[in-house]
Amino acid sequence: MLDQAQIRQYNEQGYLILKGAITDDEITRLERGVANNPPLDGTLDPNAPIYPAPGRYTLASQSARDPDLAFIIEHPDIVGAVREILEDDPVLTAYVIYDRTPEGAGLPPHHDYKRWRPVGSSMHWLFTIVPFCDFDEMTGPLYIAPGSHRTERVHDGETPCLEVGPAIRPKPEDFIDPGLKRGDLLLMNMHLWHRAEPNRSDKHRLGLFNKYAAASFPPATGYYLYHDDVAEALSEEGRKLIAVHSKRDITTTRSVLVREKEETEVFFLETTNGLYLPGGLTKDERAIPDWDLGNHIAPCQQHLREQVSIEVPWLSYIGDFEEEDGLCRTYGYTFNDNGFPVAYNGVWLSLSQISKEQLSLGWELEAVERWLDPKFIRGKGLSQAASRVDQFAY
């Protein structure tokens, strides 16, 4: 689908535009879906304006279950291009349609690799941006800074997770207006800097801003959890694009702690019911107001402080497993040799010492195996509170 020149431009410049990739009939169908799913949920910010006052809004949560919105998730031209650029099976990490209402403010320069967000903490993902109107001087151009993605910032570290250096802010003159028109498809690297102008027109500035990650690069915080209805709105093949979906809520969070001795060892708490991974009940952290819930690192770290007396600087997502009537969002952490060698409030067991009969929940070994599987390339996830200080400091 894409030729080598297009892929080379994306890799070197951090973006690629496919003109008129989405037909007018398809945009009209999306507009019908938006009309049936107005952004009335608001955000987690209690001071956010009420739609349609001047502002920037997203669709109601889980609205992708509407067939008039769901079809774009598996659009063959979008998915095909994403697969070629990512060189992996794509996974939808965010379904977002922005509505910048008349007089809605713009956005300052920023990039969207964010270690606290389900939609931003994968180590390999991109935007698929489709304007529903021309992004002109009145509605507000989307400016991009070609080459500002600076992939040399990403490198191996001492842990199984990749390290990312602080972002390098481009100069104001580095930004260009790519001239996006209704139905264009902009493919944009996760690290590329961009900004948006205010909407000075008397009409709504709508656009699709979906995000896809490579399947081998799960978000460090964990995926946004879609309802089963969203997956069921897709074809059988399209459902493969939804990494996690359920009718259950995430109610608990636990951590797989690993250290390398003569054999790989895993930490467990011991109870009368068997071996437990540290953790317990979870709740949503709301230090940074936004709609994309799914980061349960803060309560997981709190359980580790209380149960194991350790402070882990980061965690990285492993998977979601059934626990009682909900899901358990499970994270991993691998120890280095820099900690002080004191006793822990639990037991370290080598993999050969663990039997399934000892385990309280039954899926613990599956989580450990997934954490140790080298096919997954992970980043370091942070709590919202830590990221408010400096998301690159840990």
Protein backbone atom coordinates (compact mmCIF):
# COMPACT_ATOMS: atom_id res chain seq x y z
CA MET A 1 0.00 0.00 0.00
CA LEU A 2 2.73 2.48 0.98
CA ASP A 3 5.85 2.81 -1.16
CA GLN A 4 9.38 3.02 0.20
CA ALA A 5 9.53 6.80 -0.29
CA GLN A 6 6.44 7.26 1.88
CA ILE A 7 7.78 5.02 4.64
CA ARG A 8 11.13 6.78 4.50
CA GLN A 9 9.44 10.18 4.82
CA TYR A 10 7.50 8.98 7.86
CA ASN A 11 10.62 7.60 9.54
CA GLU A 12 12.71 10.70 8.79
CA GLN A 13 10.10 13.44 9.21
CA GLY A 14 7.74 11.79 11.72
CA TYR A 15 4.62 12.14 9.61
CA LEU A 16 2.94 11.18 6.33
CA ILE A 17 -0.19 12.61 4.68
CA LEU A 18 -2.41 10.50 2.43
CA LYS A 19 -4.59 13.02 0.61
CA GLY A 20 -8.29 12.20 0.37
CA ALA A 21 -7.87 8.75 1.91
CA ILE A 22 -11.31 8.86 3.57
CA THR A 23 -14.27 9.44 1.27
CA ASP A 24 -16.88 12.13 1.77
CA ASP A 25 -19.54 9.46 2.35
CA GLU A 26 -17.39 7.97 5.12
CA ILE A 27 -16.92 11.38 6.76
CA THR A 28 -20.67 11.98 6.55
CA ARG A 29 -21.27 8.66 8.28
CA LEU A 30 -18.86 9.62 11.05
CA GLU A 31 -20.63 12.96 11.44
CA ARG A 32 -23.91 11.07 11.88
CA GLY A 33 -22.24 8.98 14.59
CA VAL A 34 -21.01 12.12 16.35
CA ALA A 35 -24.49 13.65 16.25
CA ASN A 36 -25.84 10.54 18.01
CA ASN A 37 -23.05 10.55 20.61
CA PRO A 38 -22.56 14.13 21.78
CA PRO A 39 -19.66 14.72 24.20
CA LEU A 40 -21.82 15.15 27.29
CA ASP A 41 -19.65 13.10 29.65
CA GLY A 42 -17.32 16.02 30.19
CA THR A 43 -13.89 15.20 31.60
CA LEU A 44 -12.57 14.50 35.07
CA ASP A 45 -11.94 18.23 35.42
CA PRO A 46 -14.79 19.75 37.50
CA ASN A 47 -14.03 23.17 36.01
CA ALA A 48 -14.42 22.03 32.40
CA PRO A 49 -17.00 23.97 30.34
CA ILE A 50 -20.35 22.45 29.45
CA TYR A 51 -20.81 21.43 25.81
CA PRO A 52 -21.19 23.26 23.45
CA ALA A 53 -19.60 26.27 25.19
CA PRO A 54 -16.25 27.32 23.68
CA GLY A 55 -13.78 24.51 24.36
CA ARG A 56 -12.37 21.19 23.19
CA TYR A 57 -14.46 18.08 23.75
CA THR A 58 -14.25 14.34 23.10
CA LEU A 59 -17.02 11.85 22.44
CA ALA A 60 -18.89 10.18 25.26
CA SER A 61 -16.93 7.23 26.63
CA GLN A 62 -17.42 3.85 24.89
CA SER A 63 -19.31 5.58 22.04
CA ALA A 64 -17.28 3.53 19.52
CA ARG A 65 -19.92 0.83 20.03
CA ASP A 66 -22.03 2.83 17.53
CA PRO A 67 -21.57 1.20 14.08
CA ASP A 68 -21.43 4.67 12.50
CA LEU A 69 -18.29 5.30 14.56
CA ALA A 70 -16.86 1.80 14.89
CA PHE A 71 -16.32 1.19 11.17
CA ILE A 72 -13.41 3.64 10.98
CA ILE A 73 -11.44 1.57 13.52
CA GLU A 74 -10.95 -1.18 10.94
CA HIS A 75 -10.87 0.98 7.80
CA PRO A 76 -8.61 -1.02 5.49
CA ASP A 77 -6.63 1.97 4.21
CA ILE A 78 -5.96 3.21 7.75
CA VAL A 79 -5.13 -0.18 9.24
CA GLY A 80 -3.03 -1.17 6.23
CA ALA A 81 -0.91 1.97 6.39
CA VAL A 82 -0.51 1.70 10.18
CA ARG A 83 0.58 -1.93 9.92
CA GLU A 84 3.24 -1.07 7.34
CA ILE A 85 4.65 1.80 9.38
CA LEU A 86 4.61 -0.02 12.72
CA GLU A 87 5.85 -3.25 11.10
CA ASP A 88 3.58 -5.12 13.50
CA ASP A 89 -0.08 -5.89 14.02
CA PRO A 90 -1.78 -2.66 15.14
CA VAL A 91 -3.87 -2.32 18.30
CA LEU A 92 -6.29 0.55 18.94
CA THR A 93 -5.19 2.38 22.08
CA ALA A 94 -7.58 5.34 21.80
CA TYR A 95 -10.73 6.23 19.90
CA VAL A 96 -10.94 10.01 19.97
CA ILE A 97 -13.02 12.46 17.98
CA TYR A 98 -12.28 16.02 19.04
CA ASP A 99 -14.89 18.73 18.71
CA ARG A 100 -13.35 22.19 19.05
CA THR A 101 -16.43 24.37 19.25
CA PRO A 102 -16.55 27.97 17.92
CA GLU A 103 -14.13 30.19 19.88
CA GLY A 104 -12.55 27.09 21.38
CA ALA A 105 -8.93 27.71 22.36
CA GLY A 106 -6.00 26.06 20.65
CA LEU A 107 -3.26 23.88 22.15
CA PRO A 108 0.35 24.92 22.82
CA PRO A 109 3.29 22.96 21.38
CA HIS A 110 3.54 19.44 22.83
CA HIS A 111 4.23 15.81 22.00
CA ASP A 112 2.12 12.85 23.12
CA TYR A 113 4.54 10.25 24.48
CA LYS A 114 3.23 10.32 28.05
CA ARG A 115 4.26 7.73 30.59
CA TRP A 116 1.11 8.13 32.70
CA ARG A 117 -1.47 7.68 29.95
CA PRO A 118 -2.83 4.46 28.43
CA VAL A 119 -2.91 6.19 25.04
CA GLY A 120 0.63 7.52 25.27
CA SER A 121 2.88 5.10 27.14
CA SER A 122 3.52 2.45 24.48
CA MET A 123 7.03 2.59 23.03
CA HIS A 124 5.77 2.37 19.44
CA TRP A 125 2.52 4.02 18.39
CA LEU A 126 1.12 6.64 16.04
CA PHE A 127 -1.81 8.97 15.43
CA THR A 128 -4.31 8.53 12.61
CA ILE A 129 -5.79 12.00 12.15
CA VAL A 130 -8.72 12.64 9.79
CA PRO A 131 -10.20 16.18 9.58
CA PHE A 132 -13.95 16.41 9.08
CA CYS A 133 -13.49 19.94 7.72
CA ASP A 134 -10.58 21.84 6.23
CA PHE A 135 -8.19 22.85 9.03
CA ASP A 136 -7.73 26.35 7.65
CA GLU A 137 -7.00 29.77 9.14
CA MET A 138 -10.56 30.12 10.43
CA THR A 139 -11.18 26.67 11.92
CA GLY A 140 -7.59 26.43 13.14
CA PRO A 141 -4.64 24.68 11.48
CA LEU A 142 -2.86 21.76 13.09
CA TYR A 143 0.84 22.69 13.00
CA ILE A 144 3.55 20.03 13.06
CA ALA A 145 7.35 20.21 13.47
CA PRO A 146 8.88 17.79 10.94
CA GLY A 147 11.77 15.77 12.35
CA SER A 148 11.06 16.72 15.95
CA HIS A 149 10.29 13.12 16.99
CA ARG A 150 14.04 12.56 17.68
CA THR A 151 14.03 8.78 17.93
CA GLU A 152 17.64 8.75 19.19
CA ARG A 153 16.21 9.65 22.62
CA VAL A 154 14.98 6.05 22.99
CA HIS A 155 17.59 3.51 24.10
CA ASP A 156 18.18 0.35 26.12
CA GLY A 157 18.70 0.66 29.87
CA GLU A 158 19.67 -1.56 32.79
CA THR A 159 16.16 -2.97 33.09
CA PRO A 160 14.02 -4.94 30.63
CA CYS A 161 12.26 -1.66 29.77
CA LEU A 162 13.43 0.95 27.29
CA GLU A 163 14.61 4.35 28.49
CA VAL A 164 13.48 7.66 26.96
CA GLY A 165 15.43 10.88 27.34
CA PRO A 166 13.70 14.24 27.90
CA ALA A 167 11.93 15.67 24.88
CA ILE A 168 13.69 18.36 22.85
CA ARG A 169 11.42 21.33 22.16
CA PRO A 170 11.58 22.58 18.55
CA LYS A 171 11.85 26.27 17.70
CA PRO A 172 8.69 28.20 16.77
CA GLU A 173 9.89 28.51 13.17
CA ASP A 174 10.18 24.71 12.92
CA PHE A 175 6.40 24.29 12.82
CA ILE A 176 4.58 24.10 9.50
CA ASP A 177 0.93 23.98 8.43
CA PRO A 178 0.55 20.76 6.41
CA GLY A 179 -2.70 22.06 4.90
CA LEU A 180 -5.02 19.30 6.09
CA LYS A 181 -8.32 19.04 4.22
CA ARG A 182 -11.54 17.16 4.91
CA GLY A 183 -10.89 13.43 4.38
CA ASP A 184 -7.08 13.57 4.46
CA LEU A 185 -5.25 11.03 6.61
CA LEU A 186 -2.30 12.26 8.66
CA LEU A 187 -0.11 9.52 10.15
CA MET A 188 1.94 11.09 12.94
CA ASN A 189 4.66 9.69 15.18
CA MET A 190 4.01 9.60 18.93
CA HIS A 191 7.03 11.83 19.65
CA LEU A 192 6.33 14.45 16.96
CA TRP A 193 5.72 17.95 18.32
CA HIS A 194 2.53 19.68 17.20
CA ARG A 195 0.19 22.49 18.17
CA ALA A 196 -3.27 23.71 17.21
CA GLU A 197 -4.71 27.16 16.59
CA PRO A 198 -8.02 28.34 18.09
CA ASN A 199 -11.27 27.86 16.22
CA ARG A 200 -12.11 31.37 14.97
CA SER A 201 -14.98 30.20 12.77
CA ASP A 202 -18.69 29.87 13.53
CA LYS A 203 -18.71 26.08 12.97
CA HIS A 204 -17.44 23.08 14.87
CA ARG A 205 -13.89 21.90 14.08
CA LEU A 206 -14.21 18.12 14.16
CA GLY A 207 -11.56 15.51 13.55
CA LEU A 208 -10.68 11.89 14.24
CA PHE A 209 -7.51 11.51 16.34
CA ASN A 210 -7.29 7.75 16.86
CA LYS A 211 -4.12 6.09 18.12
CA TYR A 212 -2.71 2.66 17.29
CA ALA A 213 0.19 0.88 19.00
CA ALA A 214 2.23 -2.04 17.76
CA ALA A 215 0.93 -5.24 19.38
CA SER A 216 4.41 -6.11 20.68
CA PHE A 217 4.68 -2.74 22.47
CA PRO A 218 1.94 -2.63 25.14
CA PRO A 219 1.28 0.66 26.95
CA ALA A 220 3.30 0.86 30.17
CA THR A 221 0.23 1.91 32.17
CA GLY A 222 -2.06 -0.69 30.60
CA TYR A 223 -4.61 -0.33 27.83
CA TYR A 224 -7.78 1.70 27.94
CA LEU A 225 -10.41 -0.94 28.76
CA TYR A 226 -13.13 -1.05 26.11
CA HIS A 227 -16.54 -2.51 26.78
CA ASP A 228 -17.39 -5.77 25.00
CA ASP A 229 -19.95 -3.82 22.97
CA VAL A 230 -17.16 -1.95 21.18
CA ALA A 231 -15.50 -5.18 20.04
CA GLU A 232 -18.86 -6.61 19.00
CA ALA A 233 -19.47 -3.60 16.73
CA LEU A 234 -16.50 -4.74 14.62
CA SER A 235 -16.03 -7.61 12.21
CA GLU A 236 -14.35 -10.80 13.42
CA GLU A 237 -11.06 -9.60 11.95
CA GLY A 238 -11.56 -6.08 13.30
CA ARG A 239 -11.91 -7.37 16.87
CA LYS A 240 -8.21 -8.21 16.80
CA LEU A 241 -7.60 -4.44 16.92
CA ILE A 242 -9.07 -4.22 20.44
CA ALA A 243 -6.42 -5.47 22.88
CA VAL A 244 -8.58 -5.61 26.01
CA HIS A 245 -12.34 -5.46 26.34
CA SER A 246 -14.73 -6.70 28.99
CA LYS A 247 -18.04 -6.18 30.74
CA ARG A 248 -16.09 -6.32 34.01
CA ASP A 249 -14.42 -3.35 35.68
CA ILE A 250 -10.82 -3.24 36.86
CA THR A 251 -11.25 -3.69 40.61
CA THR A 252 -7.82 -4.86 41.81
CA THR A 253 -4.17 -4.33 40.91
CA ARG A 254 -1.12 -6.50 41.62
CA SER A 255 2.57 -6.58 40.81
CA VAL A 256 4.98 -9.25 39.62
CA LEU A 257 8.35 -8.59 41.29
CA VAL A 258 11.32 -10.40 39.71
CA ARG A 259 15.01 -10.62 40.50
CA GLU A 260 17.79 -12.51 38.76
CA LYS A 261 19.86 -14.83 40.95
CA GLU A 262 21.16 -18.23 39.89
CA GLU A 263 17.57 -18.70 38.75
CA THR A 264 14.84 -16.15 38.11
CA GLU A 265 13.00 -15.54 41.37
CA VAL A 266 9.51 -14.15 41.97
CA PHE A 267 8.23 -12.48 45.14
CA PHE A 268 5.05 -13.66 46.87
CA LEU A 269 3.15 -12.87 50.02
CA GLU A 270 2.27 -15.93 52.07
CA THR A 271 -1.21 -16.38 53.55
CA THR A 272 -3.23 -19.30 54.83
CA ASN A 273 -4.89 -19.46 51.39
CA GLY A 274 -1.61 -19.78 49.52
CA LEU A 275 0.79 -17.47 47.69
CA TYR A 276 -0.36 -14.00 46.63
CA LEU A 277 1.16 -11.40 44.37
CA PRO A 278 1.32 -8.09 46.29
CA GLY A 279 -1.65 -5.84 45.63
CA GLY A 280 -5.31 -5.35 46.38
CA LEU A 281 -8.24 -3.05 45.65
CA THR A 282 -7.69 -0.23 43.18
CA LYS A 283 -9.14 3.18 42.46
CA ASP A 284 -8.74 5.75 39.72
CA GLU A 285 -5.99 8.30 40.23
CA ARG A 286 -7.16 11.77 39.25
CA ALA A 287 -4.10 13.93 39.80
CA ILE A 288 -4.22 14.84 36.09
CA PRO A 289 -7.80 15.36 34.83
CA ASP A 290 -8.55 13.58 31.57
CA TRP A 291 -10.87 11.00 30.08
CA ASP A 292 -8.53 8.09 29.34
CA LEU A 293 -8.64 6.05 32.53
CA GLY A 294 -6.62 2.86 32.96
CA ASN A 295 -3.48 3.84 34.86
CA HIS A 296 -3.54 1.93 38.17
CA ILE A 297 0.14 2.36 39.01
CA ALA A 298 -0.42 4.70 41.98
CA PRO A 299 -2.58 2.26 44.03
CA CYS A 300 -0.27 -0.61 43.04
CA GLN A 301 2.72 1.33 44.38
CA GLN A 302 0.77 2.09 47.55
CA HIS A 303 0.16 -1.62 48.14
CA LEU A 304 3.88 -2.30 47.67
CA ARG A 305 4.77 0.35 50.25
CA GLU A 306 2.33 -1.10 52.77
CA GLN A 307 2.84 -4.82 52.13
CA VAL A 308 6.49 -5.12 51.06
CA SER A 309 8.06 -1.88 52.37
CA ILE A 310 9.52 -0.94 49.00
CA GLU A 311 9.15 2.11 46.76
CA VAL A 312 9.37 1.14 43.09
CA PRO A 313 10.08 4.17 40.85
CA TRP A 314 8.07 2.74 37.93
CA LEU A 315 5.94 -0.23 36.88
CA SER A 316 5.05 -1.67 33.49
CA TYR A 317 1.84 -3.34 32.38
CA ILE A 318 1.61 -7.11 31.99
CA GLY A 319 -2.08 -7.88 31.54
CA ASP A 320 -5.59 -7.99 32.97
CA PHE A 321 -6.70 -11.17 34.72
CA GLU A 322 -9.99 -12.21 36.30
CA GLU A 323 -10.13 -11.85 40.07
CA GLU A 324 -13.48 -12.46 41.79
CA ASP A 325 -16.10 -10.40 39.90
CA GLY A 326 -13.64 -7.93 38.35
CA LEU A 327 -10.35 -7.67 36.52
CA CYS A 328 -6.92 -7.35 38.10
CA ARG A 329 -4.61 -4.94 36.27
CA THR A 330 -1.18 -6.47 36.77
CA TYR A 331 2.21 -4.77 36.47
CA GLY A 332 5.82 -5.95 36.54
CA TYR A 333 9.08 -4.71 38.00
CA THR A 334 12.56 -6.26 37.78
CA PHE A 335 15.07 -5.55 40.55
CA ASN A 336 18.67 -4.52 39.86
CA ASP A 337 21.62 -4.97 42.24
CA ASN A 338 21.50 -1.46 43.69
CA GLY A 339 18.97 -2.04 46.47
CA PHE A 340 19.94 -2.58 50.11
CA PRO A 341 19.88 -6.35 50.88
CA VAL A 342 17.43 -6.54 53.77
CA ALA A 343 14.69 -9.07 54.45
CA TYR A 344 11.36 -8.71 52.69
CA ASN A 345 7.91 -9.29 54.17
CA GLY A 346 7.33 -12.32 51.99
CA VAL A 347 9.16 -15.07 50.13
CA TRP A 348 11.30 -15.21 46.98
CA LEU A 349 10.76 -18.42 44.99
CA SER A 350 12.54 -19.62 41.88
CA LEU A 351 10.31 -20.59 38.98
CA SER A 352 11.14 -24.25 39.57
CA GLN A 353 9.84 -23.98 43.16
CA ILE A 354 6.39 -22.64 42.24
CA SER A 355 3.50 -25.00 41.63
CA LYS A 356 0.07 -23.92 40.45
CA GLU A 357 -1.50 -25.60 43.49
CA GLN A 358 0.26 -23.05 45.76
CA LEU A 359 -1.24 -20.05 43.96
CA SER A 360 -4.29 -18.26 45.33
CA LEU A 361 -5.67 -16.98 42.03
CA GLY A 362 -4.37 -19.44 39.45
CA TRP A 363 -3.06 -17.04 36.80
CA GLU A 364 0.07 -15.80 38.56
CA LEU A 365 2.50 -17.96 36.58
CA GLU A 366 0.92 -16.80 33.32
CA ALA A 367 1.58 -13.20 34.39
CA VAL A 368 5.20 -14.02 35.28
CA GLU A 369 5.76 -15.74 31.93
CA ARG A 370 4.31 -12.78 30.07
CA TRP A 371 6.57 -10.38 32.00
CA LEU A 372 9.63 -12.45 31.07
CA ASP A 373 8.61 -12.93 27.41
CA PRO A 374 11.20 -11.06 25.28
CA LYS A 375 8.76 -10.52 22.40
CA PHE A 376 7.16 -7.66 24.35
CA ILE A 377 9.02 -4.32 24.25
CA ARG A 378 8.04 -2.23 27.24
CA GLY A 379 8.44 1.25 28.63
CA LYS A 380 8.38 2.49 32.20
CA GLY A 381 4.97 3.58 33.42
CA LEU A 382 4.50 6.29 36.04
CA SER A 383 1.67 7.42 38.25
CA GLN A 384 -0.01 10.68 37.37
CA ALA A 385 1.39 12.26 40.54
CA ALA A 386 4.99 11.37 39.60
CA SER A 387 4.48 12.63 36.06
CA ARG A 388 3.27 16.01 37.29
CA VAL A 389 6.81 16.50 38.63
CA ASP A 390 8.80 15.14 35.66
CA GLN A 391 7.82 12.18 33.52
CA PHE A 392 11.43 11.68 32.40
CA ALA A 393 13.01 11.75 35.87
CA TYR A 394 12.51 8.12 36.88
